[in-house]
Amino acid sequence: MENLDVNVTALVEEIYSLVLAYGLDILGAIVILFVGWWIAGMVDRAVARALGRIPQMDNTLKPFLGSLVRYAILAITLVAVLSQFGVETTSIIAVLGAAGLAIGLALQGTLQNIAAGVMLLFLRPFKVGDFIDAGGVTGTVNAVGLFTSELTSIDGIHLSVPNSQLWNTAITNFSRNTTRRMDIVVGIGYGDDIDKGLAILLGLMADDPRTLKDPAPMTMVTALGASSVDLNMRCWADTSDFWDLQFHLHKAAKEALDQAGISIPYPQQDVHMHQVGGGTD
């Protein structure tokens, strides 16, 4: 029992001596960590507000730059905390360098995503709000982060895509240009008046205010199919009007050709039967 009392007393004295030796350092480290974390968050929000007042600043860059500043402040805070315990700055840099190399080898894919995110943000093949097809995914861009990009598919599904997946493939940006061309193929029967059909389809495009006048809309015969003569409707429209105009022209073409007595044939096969061999008496 006396030995136990001696051990407890020795332990208490050891803890007391450690508190005396490192108590202020630990308290200072906690204060530095708290203040650094608070400053990082405050600066992040301040950067976001400042960038929000710049009309020319792309919305894609704002969260990225804010996060970059925040992580930089947190890194400085970590160095300050270690310095509080007497660790030399040069030693810290050496350790961080070695750790960075080890982490870089272990997290090659993650670093690729960061590098791809930086390239996407500064070369800007797309921005927030653009509708794109890249890396096997299609959707509207919501955000580009350090590691992933956030998209919403056409059916409302949220997509988180690694940046390297987007950067390492061809990117189709449907929203980049202000105008788009559409081609609609309509088949008519071989017995129908081709010129009449072309004129009707051209009139549908020309009469719609969403069709651009320059380049002018046009119609042409594009193919002689197995069961139809294929007529092509070609026109340009503002990107914002593209889908609505295309849906409208499909419906209008069917109604106008029906009213004019021009058929839109469907594929069909004629079967001819021949009797082979002699018959019986």
C-alpha atoms as a PDB file:
ATOM      1  CA  MET A   1       0.000   0.000   0.000  1.00  0.00           C
ATOM      2  CA  GLU A   2       2.869   2.321   0.820  1.00  0.00           C
ATOM      3  CA  ASN A   3       4.454   1.506  -2.558  1.00  0.00           C
ATOM      4  CA  LEU A   4       1.186   2.439  -4.306  1.00  0.00           C
ATOM      5  CA  ASP A   5       1.073   5.749  -2.475  1.00  0.00           C
ATOM      6  CA  VAL A   6       4.664   6.417  -3.496  1.00  0.00           C
ATOM      7  CA  ASN A   7       3.902   5.636  -7.180  1.00  0.00           C
ATOM      8  CA  VAL A   8       0.827   7.874  -7.209  1.00  0.00           C
ATOM      9  CA  THR A   9       2.768  10.663  -5.555  1.00  0.00           C
ATOM     10  CA  ALA A  10       5.578  10.295  -8.086  1.00  0.00           C
ATOM     11  CA  LEU A  11       3.077  10.337 -10.969  1.00  0.00           C
ATOM     12  CA  VAL A  12       1.394  13.467  -9.653  1.00  0.00           C
ATOM     13  CA  GLU A  13       4.746  15.162  -9.246  1.00  0.00           C
ATOM     14  CA  GLU A  14       5.719  14.161 -12.807  1.00  0.00           C
ATOM     15  CA  ILE A  15       2.487  15.546 -14.222  1.00  0.00           C
ATOM     16  CA  TYR A  16       2.907  18.708 -12.180  1.00  0.00           C
ATOM     17  CA  SER A  17       6.439  19.189 -13.488  1.00  0.00           C
ATOM     18  CA  LEU A  18       5.259  18.641 -17.086  1.00  0.00           C
ATOM     19  CA  VAL A  19       2.477  21.180 -16.617  1.00  0.00           C
ATOM     20  CA  LEU A  20       4.959  23.680 -15.249  1.00  0.00           C
ATOM     21  CA  ALA A  21       7.374  23.011 -18.108  1.00  0.00           C
ATOM     22  CA  TYR A  22       4.914  22.818 -21.039  1.00  0.00           C
ATOM     23  CA  GLY A  23       1.646  24.206 -19.709  1.00  0.00           C
ATOM     24  CA  LEU A  24       2.115  27.657 -21.172  1.00  0.00           C
ATOM     25  CA  ASP A  25       3.317  26.154 -24.463  1.00  0.00           C
ATOM     26  CA  ILE A  26       0.258  23.915 -24.689  1.00  0.00           C
ATOM     27  CA  LEU A  27      -2.040  26.806 -23.805  1.00  0.00           C
ATOM     28  CA  GLY A  28      -0.317  29.010 -26.369  1.00  0.00           C
ATOM     29  CA  ALA A  29      -0.587  26.288 -29.025  1.00  0.00           C
ATOM     30  CA  ILE A  30      -4.321  25.915 -28.348  1.00  0.00           C
ATOM     31  CA  VAL A  31      -4.803  29.673 -28.606  1.00  0.00           C
ATOM     32  CA  ILE A  32      -2.774  29.832 -31.841  1.00  0.00           C
ATOM     33  CA  LEU A  33      -4.734  26.925 -33.327  1.00  0.00           C
ATOM     34  CA  PHE A  34      -8.081  28.461 -32.391  1.00  0.00           C
ATOM     35  CA  VAL A  35      -7.132  31.931 -33.652  1.00  0.00           C
ATOM     36  CA  GLY A  36      -5.647  30.513 -36.866  1.00  0.00           C
ATOM     37  CA  TRP A  37      -8.773  28.461 -37.549  1.00  0.00           C
ATOM     38  CA  TRP A  38     -10.989  31.484 -36.895  1.00  0.00           C
ATOM     39  CA  ILE A  39      -8.880  33.757 -39.110  1.00  0.00           C
ATOM     40  CA  ALA A  40      -8.863  31.156 -41.907  1.00  0.00           C
ATOM     41  CA  GLY A  41     -12.658  30.968 -41.917  1.00  0.00           C
ATOM     42  CA  MET A  42     -13.047  34.736 -41.688  1.00  0.00           C
ATOM     43  CA  VAL A  43     -10.600  35.366 -44.546  1.00  0.00           C
ATOM     44  CA  ASP A  44     -12.294  32.668 -46.642  1.00  0.00           C
ATOM     45  CA  ARG A  45     -15.647  34.450 -46.265  1.00  0.00           C
ATOM     46  CA  ALA A  46     -14.049  37.864 -46.840  1.00  0.00           C
ATOM     47  CA  VAL A  47     -12.428  36.657 -50.061  1.00  0.00           C
ATOM     48  CA  ALA A  48     -15.762  35.230 -51.228  1.00  0.00           C
ATOM     49  CA  ARG A  49     -17.514  38.563 -50.537  1.00  0.00           C
ATOM     50  CA  ALA A  50     -14.754  40.560 -52.228  1.00  0.00           C
ATOM     51  CA  LEU A  51     -14.774  38.361 -55.313  1.00  0.00           C
ATOM     52  CA  GLY A  52     -18.568  38.544 -55.382  1.00  0.00           C
ATOM     53  CA  ARG A  53     -18.336  42.298 -55.935  1.00  0.00           C
ATOM     54  CA  ILE A  54     -16.206  41.821 -59.065  1.00  0.00           C
ATOM     55  CA  PRO A  55     -18.584  41.390 -62.031  1.00  0.00           C
ATOM     56  CA  GLN A  56     -15.839  40.033 -64.274  1.00  0.00           C
ATOM     57  CA  MET A  57     -14.879  37.295 -61.804  1.00  0.00           C
ATOM     58  CA  ASP A  58     -16.072  33.868 -62.914  1.00  0.00           C
ATOM     59  CA  ASN A  59     -18.254  32.092 -60.346  1.00  0.00           C
ATOM     60  CA  THR A  60     -16.176  28.976 -60.915  1.00  0.00           C
ATOM     61  CA  LEU A  61     -13.058  30.620 -59.458  1.00  0.00           C
ATOM     62  CA  LYS A  62     -14.597  32.135 -56.328  1.00  0.00           C
ATOM     63  CA  PRO A  63     -14.883  29.023 -54.111  1.00  0.00           C
ATOM     64  CA  PHE A  64     -11.529  27.720 -55.325  1.00  0.00           C
ATOM     65  CA  LEU A  65      -9.618  30.892 -54.439  1.00  0.00           C
ATOM     66  CA  GLY A  66     -11.344  31.121 -51.061  1.00  0.00           C
ATOM     67  CA  SER A  67     -10.399  27.532 -50.214  1.00  0.00           C
ATOM     68  CA  LEU A  68      -6.836  28.110 -51.393  1.00  0.00           C
ATOM     69  CA  VAL A  69      -6.393  31.073 -49.033  1.00  0.00           C
ATOM     70  CA  ARG A  70      -8.001  29.159 -46.159  1.00  0.00           C
ATOM     71  CA  TYR A  71      -5.706  26.144 -46.503  1.00  0.00           C
ATOM     72  CA  ALA A  72      -2.651  28.400 -46.775  1.00  0.00           C
ATOM     73  CA  ILE A  73      -3.544  30.100 -43.467  1.00  0.00           C
ATOM     74  CA  LEU A  74      -4.128  26.725 -41.804  1.00  0.00           C
ATOM     75  CA  ALA A  75      -0.696  25.546 -42.978  1.00  0.00           C
ATOM     76  CA  ILE A  76       0.922  28.655 -41.476  1.00  0.00           C
ATOM     77  CA  THR A  77      -1.035  28.031 -38.264  1.00  0.00           C
ATOM     78  CA  LEU A  78       0.309  24.484 -38.066  1.00  0.00           C
ATOM     79  CA  VAL A  79       3.877  25.745 -38.426  1.00  0.00           C
ATOM     80  CA  ALA A  80       3.247  28.315 -35.667  1.00  0.00           C
ATOM     81  CA  VAL A  81       1.862  25.623 -33.350  1.00  0.00           C
ATOM     82  CA  LEU A  82       4.915  23.424 -33.861  1.00  0.00           C
ATOM     83  CA  SER A  83       7.206  26.405 -33.315  1.00  0.00           C
ATOM     84  CA  GLN A  84       5.472  26.973 -29.972  1.00  0.00           C
ATOM     85  CA  PHE A  85       7.004  23.708 -28.772  1.00  0.00           C
ATOM     86  CA  GLY A  86      10.486  24.740 -29.831  1.00  0.00           C
ATOM     87  CA  VAL A  87      10.607  22.928 -33.159  1.00  0.00           C
ATOM     88  CA  GLU A  88      12.933  24.757 -35.560  1.00  0.00           C
ATOM     89  CA  THR A  89      11.314  26.203 -38.668  1.00  0.00           C
ATOM     90  CA  THR A  90      13.947  24.635 -40.903  1.00  0.00           C
ATOM     91  CA  SER A  91      13.208  21.266 -39.348  1.00  0.00           C
ATOM     92  CA  ILE A  92       9.511  21.796 -39.912  1.00  0.00           C
ATOM     93  CA  ILE A  93      10.090  22.606 -43.575  1.00  0.00           C
ATOM     94  CA  ALA A  94      12.312  19.548 -43.970  1.00  0.00           C
ATOM     95  CA  VAL A  95       9.730  17.312 -42.325  1.00  0.00           C
ATOM     96  CA  LEU A  96       6.918  18.796 -44.394  1.00  0.00           C
ATOM     97  CA  GLY A  97       8.981  18.297 -47.539  1.00  0.00           C
ATOM     98  CA  ALA A  98       9.624  14.649 -46.738  1.00  0.00           C
ATOM     99  CA  ALA A  99       6.007  14.152 -45.722  1.00  0.00           C
ATOM    100  CA  GLY A 100       4.858  15.872 -48.891  1.00  0.00           C
ATOM    101  CA  LEU A 101       6.963  13.518 -51.008  1.00  0.00           C
ATOM    102  CA  ALA A 102       5.617  10.469 -49.198  1.00  0.00           C
ATOM    103  CA  ILE A 103       2.050  11.698 -49.391  1.00  0.00           C
ATOM    104  CA  GLY A 104       2.520  12.602 -53.051  1.00  0.00           C
ATOM    105  CA  LEU A 105       3.612   9.052 -53.877  1.00  0.00           C
ATOM    106  CA  ALA A 106       0.741   7.581 -51.885  1.00  0.00           C
ATOM    107  CA  LEU A 107      -1.903   9.939 -53.250  1.00  0.00           C
ATOM    108  CA  GLN A 108      -0.963  10.267 -56.903  1.00  0.00           C
ATOM    109  CA  GLY A 109      -4.577  10.077 -58.015  1.00  0.00           C
ATOM    110  CA  THR A 110      -5.638  12.764 -55.551  1.00  0.00           C
ATOM    111  CA  LEU A 111      -2.820  15.071 -56.637  1.00  0.00           C
ATOM    112  CA  GLN A 112      -3.828  14.495 -60.251  1.00  0.00           C
ATOM    113  CA  ASN A 113      -7.320  15.661 -59.355  1.00  0.00           C
ATOM    114  CA  ILE A 114      -5.906  18.803 -57.720  1.00  0.00           C
ATOM    115  CA  ALA A 115      -3.700  19.546 -60.731  1.00  0.00           C
ATOM    116  CA  ALA A 116      -6.627  18.914 -63.073  1.00  0.00           C
ATOM    117  CA  GLY A 117      -8.828  21.196 -60.961  1.00  0.00           C
ATOM    118  CA  VAL A 118      -6.277  23.997 -61.232  1.00  0.00           C
ATOM    119  CA  MET A 119      -6.083  23.539 -65.011  1.00  0.00           C
ATOM    120  CA  LEU A 120      -9.870  23.519 -65.332  1.00  0.00           C
ATOM    121  CA  LEU A 121     -10.174  26.699 -63.279  1.00  0.00           C
ATOM    122  CA  PHE A 122      -7.528  28.698 -65.083  1.00  0.00           C
ATOM    123  CA  LEU A 123      -7.951  27.448 -68.674  1.00  0.00           C
ATOM    124  CA  ARG A 124     -11.735  27.447 -68.198  1.00  0.00           C
ATOM    125  CA  PRO A 125     -13.028  25.019 -70.839  1.00  0.00           C
ATOM    126  CA  PHE A 126     -16.333  25.428 -68.990  1.00  0.00           C
ATOM    127  CA  LYS A 127     -17.804  27.497 -66.174  1.00  0.00           C
ATOM    128  CA  VAL A 128     -20.602  27.201 -63.642  1.00  0.00           C
ATOM    129  CA  GLY A 129     -23.928  26.951 -65.463  1.00  0.00           C
ATOM    130  CA  ASP A 130     -22.534  25.395 -68.658  1.00  0.00           C
ATOM    131  CA  PHE A 131     -24.006  22.176 -70.030  1.00  0.00           C
ATOM    132  CA  ILE A 132     -21.148  19.804 -70.901  1.00  0.00           C
ATOM    133  CA  ASP A 133     -20.332  16.258 -71.939  1.00  0.00           C
ATOM    134  CA  ALA A 134     -16.957  14.975 -70.713  1.00  0.00           C
ATOM    135  CA  GLY A 135     -15.431  11.928 -69.092  1.00  0.00           C
ATOM    136  CA  GLY A 136     -18.521   9.846 -69.813  1.00  0.00           C
ATOM    137  CA  VAL A 137     -20.869  12.200 -67.945  1.00  0.00           C
ATOM    138  CA  THR A 138     -23.314  14.813 -69.189  1.00  0.00           C
ATOM    139  CA  GLY A 139     -24.826  17.590 -67.123  1.00  0.00           C
ATOM    140  CA  THR A 140     -24.882  21.200 -65.963  1.00  0.00           C
ATOM    141  CA  VAL A 141     -21.826  22.368 -64.006  1.00  0.00           C
ATOM    142  CA  ASN A 142     -22.612  23.494 -60.448  1.00  0.00           C
ATOM    143  CA  ALA A 143     -19.100  23.869 -59.010  1.00  0.00           C
ATOM    144  CA  VAL A 144     -15.447  23.068 -59.658  1.00  0.00           C
ATOM    145  CA  GLY A 145     -13.523  22.182 -56.501  1.00  0.00           C
ATOM    146  CA  LEU A 146      -9.976  21.142 -55.681  1.00  0.00           C
ATOM    147  CA  PHE A 147     -10.732  17.437 -56.045  1.00  0.00           C
ATOM    148  CA  THR A 148     -14.080  17.023 -57.786  1.00  0.00           C
ATOM    149  CA  SER A 149     -16.526  18.898 -59.960  1.00  0.00           C
ATOM    150  CA  GLU A 150     -20.241  18.896 -59.155  1.00  0.00           C
ATOM    151  CA  LEU A 151     -22.766  18.475 -61.985  1.00  0.00           C
ATOM    152  CA  THR A 152     -26.486  17.899 -62.320  1.00  0.00           C
ATOM    153  CA  SER A 153     -27.605  15.502 -65.050  1.00  0.00           C
ATOM    154  CA  ILE A 154     -30.516  16.288 -67.357  1.00  0.00           C
ATOM    155  CA  ASP A 155     -32.783  14.092 -65.216  1.00  0.00           C
ATOM    156  CA  GLY A 156     -31.853  15.921 -62.000  1.00  0.00           C
ATOM    157  CA  ILE A 157     -29.237  13.489 -60.631  1.00  0.00           C
ATOM    158  CA  HIS A 158     -26.315  14.988 -58.670  1.00  0.00           C
ATOM    159  CA  LEU A 159     -22.896  13.936 -60.002  1.00  0.00           C
ATOM    160  CA  SER A 160     -19.513  14.267 -58.271  1.00  0.00           C
ATOM    161  CA  VAL A 161     -16.826  13.717 -60.892  1.00  0.00           C
ATOM    162  CA  PRO A 162     -13.045  13.550 -60.231  1.00  0.00           C
ATOM    163  CA  ASN A 163     -11.368  16.497 -61.948  1.00  0.00           C
ATOM    164  CA  SER A 164      -8.828  14.250 -63.677  1.00  0.00           C
ATOM    165  CA  GLN A 165     -11.668  12.335 -65.337  1.00  0.00           C
ATOM    166  CA  LEU A 166     -12.895  15.564 -66.931  1.00  0.00           C
ATOM    167  CA  TRP A 167      -9.490  17.002 -67.789  1.00  0.00           C
ATOM    168  CA  ASN A 168      -8.084  13.858 -69.447  1.00  0.00           C
ATOM    169  CA  THR A 169     -10.892  13.556 -71.991  1.00  0.00           C
ATOM    170  CA  ALA A 170     -12.382  15.679 -74.744  1.00  0.00           C
ATOM    171  CA  ILE A 171     -14.835  18.227 -73.332  1.00  0.00           C
ATOM    172  CA  THR A 172     -17.944  19.138 -75.310  1.00  0.00           C
ATOM    173  CA  ASN A 173     -19.394  22.424 -74.074  1.00  0.00           C
ATOM    174  CA  PHE A 174     -22.906  22.925 -75.423  1.00  0.00           C
ATOM    175  CA  SER A 175     -23.249  26.344 -73.763  1.00  0.00           C
ATOM    176  CA  ARG A 176     -19.946  27.962 -74.765  1.00  0.00           C
ATOM    177  CA  ASN A 177     -21.122  29.459 -78.064  1.00  0.00           C
ATOM    178  CA  THR A 178     -24.078  31.804 -78.174  1.00  0.00           C
ATOM    179  CA  THR A 179     -25.629  30.154 -81.253  1.00  0.00           C
ATOM    180  CA  ARG A 180     -26.117  26.568 -82.438  1.00  0.00           C
ATOM    181  CA  ARG A 181     -27.079  24.897 -85.693  1.00  0.00           C
ATOM    182  CA  MET A 182     -29.773  22.270 -85.876  1.00  0.00           C
ATOM    183  CA  ASP A 183     -30.525  19.704 -88.569  1.00  0.00           C
ATOM    184  CA  ILE A 184     -33.865  17.921 -88.706  1.00  0.00           C
ATOM    185  CA  VAL A 185     -34.379  15.125 -91.242  1.00  0.00           C
ATOM    186  CA  VAL A 186     -37.920  14.561 -92.519  1.00  0.00           C
ATOM    187  CA  GLY A 187     -38.762  11.744 -94.924  1.00  0.00           C
ATOM    188  CA  ILE A 188     -41.508  12.082 -97.563  1.00  0.00           C
ATOM    189  CA  GLY A 189     -42.888   9.553-100.008  1.00  0.00           C
ATOM    190  CA  TYR A 190     -41.367   8.951-103.428  1.00  0.00           C
ATOM    191  CA  GLY A 191     -44.638   9.925-105.035  1.00  0.00           C
ATOM    192  CA  ASP A 192     -44.845  13.305-103.271  1.00  0.00           C
ATOM    193  CA  ASP A 193     -43.805  16.709-104.647  1.00  0.00           C
ATOM    194  CA  ILE A 194     -40.236  17.309-103.400  1.00  0.00           C
ATOM    195  CA  ASP A 195     -40.177  21.045-104.152  1.00  0.00           C
ATOM    196  CA  LYS A 196     -43.467  21.547-102.343  1.00  0.00           C
ATOM    197  CA  GLY A 197     -42.158  19.695 -99.300  1.00  0.00           C
ATOM    198  CA  LEU A 198     -38.936  21.741 -99.276  1.00  0.00           C
ATOM    199  CA  ALA A 199     -40.894  24.995 -99.499  1.00  0.00           C
ATOM    200  CA  ILE A 200     -43.208  24.042 -96.625  1.00  0.00           C
ATOM    201  CA  LEU A 201     -40.329  23.112 -94.337  1.00  0.00           C
ATOM    202  CA  LEU A 202     -38.380  26.253 -95.233  1.00  0.00           C
ATOM    203  CA  GLY A 203     -41.422  28.387 -94.455  1.00  0.00           C
ATOM    204  CA  LEU A 204     -41.787  26.821 -91.015  1.00  0.00           C
ATOM    205  CA  MET A 205     -38.254  27.834 -90.089  1.00  0.00           C
ATOM    206  CA  ALA A 206     -38.409  31.282 -91.668  1.00  0.00           C
ATOM    207  CA  ASP A 207     -41.682  32.175 -89.933  1.00  0.00           C
ATOM    208  CA  ASP A 208     -40.441  31.304 -86.433  1.00  0.00           C
ATOM    209  CA  PRO A 209     -38.866  34.340 -84.698  1.00  0.00           C
ATOM    210  CA  ARG A 210     -36.418  32.077 -82.858  1.00  0.00           C
ATOM    211  CA  THR A 211     -34.766  31.137 -86.143  1.00  0.00           C
ATOM    212  CA  LEU A 212     -31.788  33.367 -86.910  1.00  0.00           C
ATOM    213  CA  LYS A 213     -31.844  35.174 -90.244  1.00  0.00           C
ATOM    214  CA  ASP A 214     -28.070  34.998 -90.622  1.00  0.00           C
ATOM    215  CA  PRO A 215     -27.065  32.345 -91.491  1.00  0.00           C
ATOM    216  CA  ALA A 216     -30.322  31.912 -93.363  1.00  0.00           C
ATOM    217  CA  PRO A 217     -32.324  28.706 -92.911  1.00  0.00           C
ATOM    218  CA  MET A 218     -32.193  26.218 -95.763  1.00  0.00           C
ATOM    219  CA  THR A 219     -33.637  22.907 -96.900  1.00  0.00           C
ATOM    220  CA  MET A 220     -32.109  20.239 -99.117  1.00  0.00           C
ATOM    221  CA  VAL A 221     -32.511  16.626-100.197  1.00  0.00           C
ATOM    222  CA  THR A 222     -29.955  14.614 -98.259  1.00  0.00           C
ATOM    223  CA  ALA A 223     -30.694  10.997 -99.165  1.00  0.00           C
ATOM    224  CA  LEU A 224     -32.858   8.649-101.176  1.00  0.00           C
ATOM    225  CA  GLY A 225     -33.778   6.109 -98.550  1.00  0.00           C
ATOM    226  CA  ALA A 226     -35.280   2.659 -98.806  1.00  0.00           C
ATOM    227  CA  SER A 227     -38.802   3.979 -98.326  1.00  0.00           C
ATOM    228  CA  SER A 228     -38.533   7.789 -98.326  1.00  0.00           C
ATOM    229  CA  VAL A 229     -36.879  10.846 -99.816  1.00  0.00           C
ATOM    230  CA  ASP A 230     -35.067  12.476 -96.912  1.00  0.00           C
ATOM    231  CA  LEU A 231     -35.383  16.268 -96.648  1.00  0.00           C
ATOM    232  CA  ASN A 232     -33.142  18.187 -94.258  1.00  0.00           C
ATOM    233  CA  MET A 233     -34.204  21.300 -92.334  1.00  0.00           C
ATOM    234  CA  ARG A 234     -31.149  23.355 -91.344  1.00  0.00           C
ATOM    235  CA  CYS A 235     -31.211  26.560 -89.321  1.00  0.00           C
ATOM    236  CA  TRP A 236     -29.360  28.441 -86.583  1.00  0.00           C
ATOM    237  CA  ALA A 237     -30.768  29.591 -83.247  1.00  0.00           C
ATOM    238  CA  ASP A 238     -29.616  31.137 -80.002  1.00  0.00           C
ATOM    239  CA  THR A 239     -28.310  28.449 -77.668  1.00  0.00           C
ATOM    240  CA  SER A 240     -31.009  29.328 -75.134  1.00  0.00           C
ATOM    241  CA  ASP A 241     -33.732  28.682 -77.758  1.00  0.00           C
ATOM    242  CA  PHE A 242     -32.190  25.583 -79.337  1.00  0.00           C
ATOM    243  CA  TRP A 243     -34.185  22.791 -77.712  1.00  0.00           C
ATOM    244  CA  ASP A 244     -37.541  24.578 -77.652  1.00  0.00           C
ATOM    245  CA  LEU A 245     -37.225  25.434 -81.342  1.00  0.00           C
ATOM    246  CA  GLN A 246     -36.167  21.907 -82.270  1.00  0.00           C
ATOM    247  CA  PHE A 247     -39.102  20.331 -80.435  1.00  0.00           C
ATOM    248  CA  HIS A 248     -41.492  22.821 -82.048  1.00  0.00           C
ATOM    249  CA  LEU A 249     -40.202  22.236 -85.590  1.00  0.00           C
ATOM    250  CA  HIS A 250     -40.596  18.463 -85.314  1.00  0.00           C
ATOM    251  CA  LYS A 251     -44.253  18.871 -84.401  1.00  0.00           C
ATOM    252  CA  ALA A 252     -44.894  21.677 -86.886  1.00  0.00           C
ATOM    253  CA  ALA A 253     -43.310  19.732 -89.769  1.00  0.00           C
ATOM    254  CA  LYS A 254     -45.591  16.739 -89.222  1.00  0.00           C
ATOM    255  CA  GLU A 255     -48.711  18.899 -88.991  1.00  0.00           C
ATOM    256  CA  ALA A 256     -47.832  21.042 -92.033  1.00  0.00           C
ATOM    257  CA  LEU A 257     -46.999  18.071 -94.271  1.00  0.00           C
ATOM    258  CA  ASP A 258     -50.183  16.265 -93.236  1.00  0.00           C
ATOM    259  CA  GLN A 259     -52.225  19.358 -94.058  1.00  0.00           C
ATOM    260  CA  ALA A 260     -50.560  19.601 -97.477  1.00  0.00           C
ATOM    261  CA  GLY A 261     -51.284  15.958 -98.251  1.00  0.00           C
ATOM    262  CA  ILE A 262     -47.609  14.965 -98.208  1.00  0.00           C
ATOM    263  CA  SER A 263     -46.985  11.608 -96.594  1.00  0.00           C
ATOM    264  CA  ILE A 264     -44.258  10.730 -94.118  1.00  0.00           C
ATOM    265  CA  PRO A 265     -43.715   7.041 -94.906  1.00  0.00           C
ATOM    266  CA  TYR A 266     -42.477   4.411 -92.510  1.00  0.00           C
ATOM    267  CA  PRO A 267     -40.190   1.519 -93.476  1.00  0.00           C
ATOM    268  CA  GLN A 268     -42.069  -1.357 -95.089  1.00  0.00           C
ATOM    269  CA  GLN A 269     -41.265  -4.494 -97.024  1.00  0.00           C
ATOM    270  CA  ASP A 270     -43.076  -5.987 -99.993  1.00  0.00           C
ATOM    271  CA  VAL A 271     -43.151  -9.793-100.032  1.00  0.00           C
ATOM    272  CA  HIS A 272     -43.599 -11.429-103.458  1.00  0.00           C
ATOM    273  CA  MET A 273     -44.498 -15.121-103.490  1.00  0.00           C
ATOM    274  CA  HIS A 274     -43.631 -17.310-106.481  1.00  0.00           C
ATOM    275  CA  GLN A 275     -44.760 -20.892-106.877  1.00  0.00           C
ATOM    276  CA  VAL A 276     -41.818 -23.144-107.745  1.00  0.00           C
ATOM    277  CA  GLY A 277     -42.072 -26.656-109.214  1.00  0.00           C
ATOM    278  CA  GLY A 278     -44.754 -28.509-111.132  1.00  0.00           C
ATOM    279  CA  GLY A 279     -48.237 -28.841-109.837  1.00  0.00           C
ATOM    280  CA  THR A 280     -50.332 -32.000-109.571  1.00  0.00           C
ATOM    281  CA  ASP A 281     -53.119 -32.832-111.970  1.00  0.00           C
END
